Amino acid sequence: MTERQILVAFIILLSVITGIFFVLFGQITVRKLRKNPKTKDVLGLEFMSGWDILNAAQALTMPKRWSKKLEKSPLSSSNADSALLFENTNKFDRILAAIFYWLWMFTGFSGAILILMNTFGLFD
């Protein structure tokens, strides 16, 4: 196998694992937050189905200082309210959010970097 094939296989494997964590986090944590009357309206703007799962994971994973900056920005309606989410989640939910969110970010950036490397001919 070439280096490119190994990297692509690795990114595909990470994408599958990320998808599994997306479903787990959505079913375990976000489902509970959607049913709670206090938190169902603070999950952020949902551009497409499931986007609130990403918003909730980001709010539970990012440092509190960064979350506060996002919540004070003009686009604050598109982000979840981290303080309220922290009050209504437990440690397991936050760990699950962190695993999912950072896997998602790493997989996305890895795919983009792989495309750039291929574009610049590093695999020829």
Protein backbone atom coordinates (compact mmCIF):
# COMPACT_ATOMS: atom_id res chain seq x y z
CA MET A 1 0.00 0.00 0.00
CA THR A 2 1.15 3.52 -0.75
CA GLU A 3 1.34 6.30 1.81
CA ARG A 4 -1.75 7.94 0.35
CA GLN A 5 -3.78 4.72 0.58
CA ILE A 6 -2.77 4.26 4.21
CA LEU A 7 -3.73 7.85 5.07
CA VAL A 8 -7.06 7.57 3.24
CA ALA A 9 -7.83 4.27 5.00
CA PHE A 10 -6.98 5.87 8.35
CA ILE A 11 -9.25 8.86 7.67
CA ILE A 12 -12.08 6.56 6.55
CA LEU A 13 -11.70 4.52 9.75
CA LEU A 14 -11.75 7.69 11.84
CA SER A 15 -14.82 8.90 9.95
CA VAL A 16 -16.69 5.70 10.79
CA ILE A 17 -15.69 5.95 14.45
CA THR A 18 -16.71 9.63 14.48
CA GLY A 19 -20.09 8.71 12.99
CA ILE A 20 -20.62 6.16 15.76
CA PHE A 21 -19.81 8.77 18.41
CA PHE A 22 -22.11 11.26 16.65
CA VAL A 23 -25.02 8.85 17.00
CA LEU A 24 -24.10 7.93 20.59
CA PHE A 25 -23.79 11.55 21.71
CA GLY A 26 -27.00 12.48 19.92
CA GLN A 27 -28.99 9.61 21.40
CA ILE A 28 -27.59 9.74 24.92
CA THR A 29 -27.01 13.42 25.64
CA VAL A 30 -28.72 15.66 23.09
CA ARG A 31 -31.93 13.65 23.20
CA LYS A 32 -32.06 14.29 26.96
CA LEU A 33 -31.36 18.00 26.39
CA ARG A 34 -34.08 18.27 23.73
CA LYS A 35 -36.64 16.82 26.14
CA ASN A 36 -35.69 19.23 28.95
CA PRO A 37 -37.84 22.40 28.72
CA LYS A 38 -34.95 24.55 30.04
CA THR A 39 -32.44 23.41 27.43
CA LYS A 40 -34.44 22.58 24.31
CA ASP A 41 -34.35 26.18 23.06
CA VAL A 42 -30.66 26.90 23.86
CA LEU A 43 -29.01 24.29 21.61
CA GLY A 44 -28.25 26.89 18.96
CA LEU A 45 -29.46 27.41 15.43
CA GLU A 46 -30.01 24.21 13.50
CA PHE A 47 -28.92 24.76 9.90
CA MET A 48 -29.71 21.15 9.07
CA SER A 49 -30.86 18.11 10.95
CA GLY A 50 -28.36 17.14 13.65
CA TRP A 51 -26.56 20.46 13.74
CA ASP A 52 -27.66 20.95 17.34
CA ILE A 53 -25.61 17.86 18.21
CA LEU A 54 -22.51 19.63 16.92
CA ASN A 55 -23.48 22.85 18.75
CA ALA A 56 -23.95 20.99 22.03
CA ALA A 57 -20.65 19.11 21.65
CA GLN A 58 -18.82 22.35 20.90
CA ALA A 59 -20.37 24.13 23.89
CA LEU A 60 -19.45 21.27 26.24
CA THR A 61 -15.93 20.89 24.88
CA MET A 62 -14.58 24.38 24.28
CA PRO A 63 -12.94 26.30 27.14
CA LYS A 64 -15.47 28.44 29.00
CA ARG A 65 -13.73 31.67 28.01
CA TRP A 66 -14.08 30.83 24.32
CA SER A 67 -17.71 29.81 24.77
CA LYS A 68 -18.49 33.12 26.47
CA LYS A 69 -16.90 35.01 23.56
CA LEU A 70 -19.01 33.06 21.07
CA GLU A 71 -22.15 33.70 23.10
CA LYS A 72 -21.48 37.47 23.13
CA SER A 73 -20.84 37.69 19.39
CA PRO A 74 -23.44 38.91 16.88
CA LEU A 75 -23.95 35.31 15.76
CA SER A 76 -24.67 34.07 19.27
CA SER A 77 -28.01 32.53 18.27
CA SER A 78 -26.15 29.94 16.23
CA ASN A 79 -24.23 28.67 19.30
CA ALA A 80 -25.48 26.67 22.26
CA ASP A 81 -25.58 28.16 25.76
CA SER A 82 -22.65 26.43 27.48
CA ALA A 83 -23.53 27.46 31.05
CA LEU A 84 -27.01 25.98 30.85
CA LEU A 85 -25.71 22.83 29.17
CA PHE A 86 -23.11 22.33 31.89
CA GLU A 87 -25.84 22.56 34.53
CA ASN A 88 -27.91 19.88 32.81
CA THR A 89 -25.23 17.34 31.87
CA ASN A 90 -23.05 15.00 33.86
CA LYS A 91 -19.36 14.08 33.58
CA PHE A 92 -20.07 11.18 31.21
CA ASP A 93 -21.95 13.48 28.82
CA ARG A 94 -19.04 15.92 28.78
CA ILE A 95 -16.48 13.18 28.15
CA LEU A 96 -18.61 11.78 25.34
CA ALA A 97 -18.93 15.29 23.89
CA ALA A 98 -15.17 15.82 24.02
CA ILE A 99 -14.38 12.49 22.37
CA PHE A 100 -16.90 13.10 19.61
CA TYR A 101 -16.04 16.75 19.01
CA TRP A 102 -12.26 16.34 18.82
CA LEU A 103 -12.55 13.21 16.67
CA TRP A 104 -14.84 15.17 14.33
CA MET A 105 -12.44 18.12 14.18
CA PHE A 106 -9.36 15.93 13.68
CA THR A 107 -11.03 13.89 10.93
CA GLY A 108 -12.23 17.00 9.11
CA PHE A 109 -8.87 18.74 9.25
CA SER A 110 -7.03 15.55 8.29
CA GLY A 111 -9.21 15.16 5.21
CA ALA A 112 -8.63 18.78 4.22
CA ILE A 113 -4.87 18.48 4.73
CA LEU A 114 -4.80 15.26 2.70
CA ILE A 115 -6.60 17.02 -0.16
CA LEU A 116 -4.11 19.92 -0.01
CA MET A 117 -1.17 17.52 0.03
CA ASN A 118 -2.55 15.71 -3.00
CA THR A 119 -3.22 19.01 -4.78
CA PHE A 120 0.38 20.12 -4.32
CA GLY A 121 1.65 16.77 -5.63
CA LEU A 122 3.19 15.39 -2.46
CA PHE A 123 1.99 11.87 -3.30
CA ASP A 124 3.39 11.57 -6.82
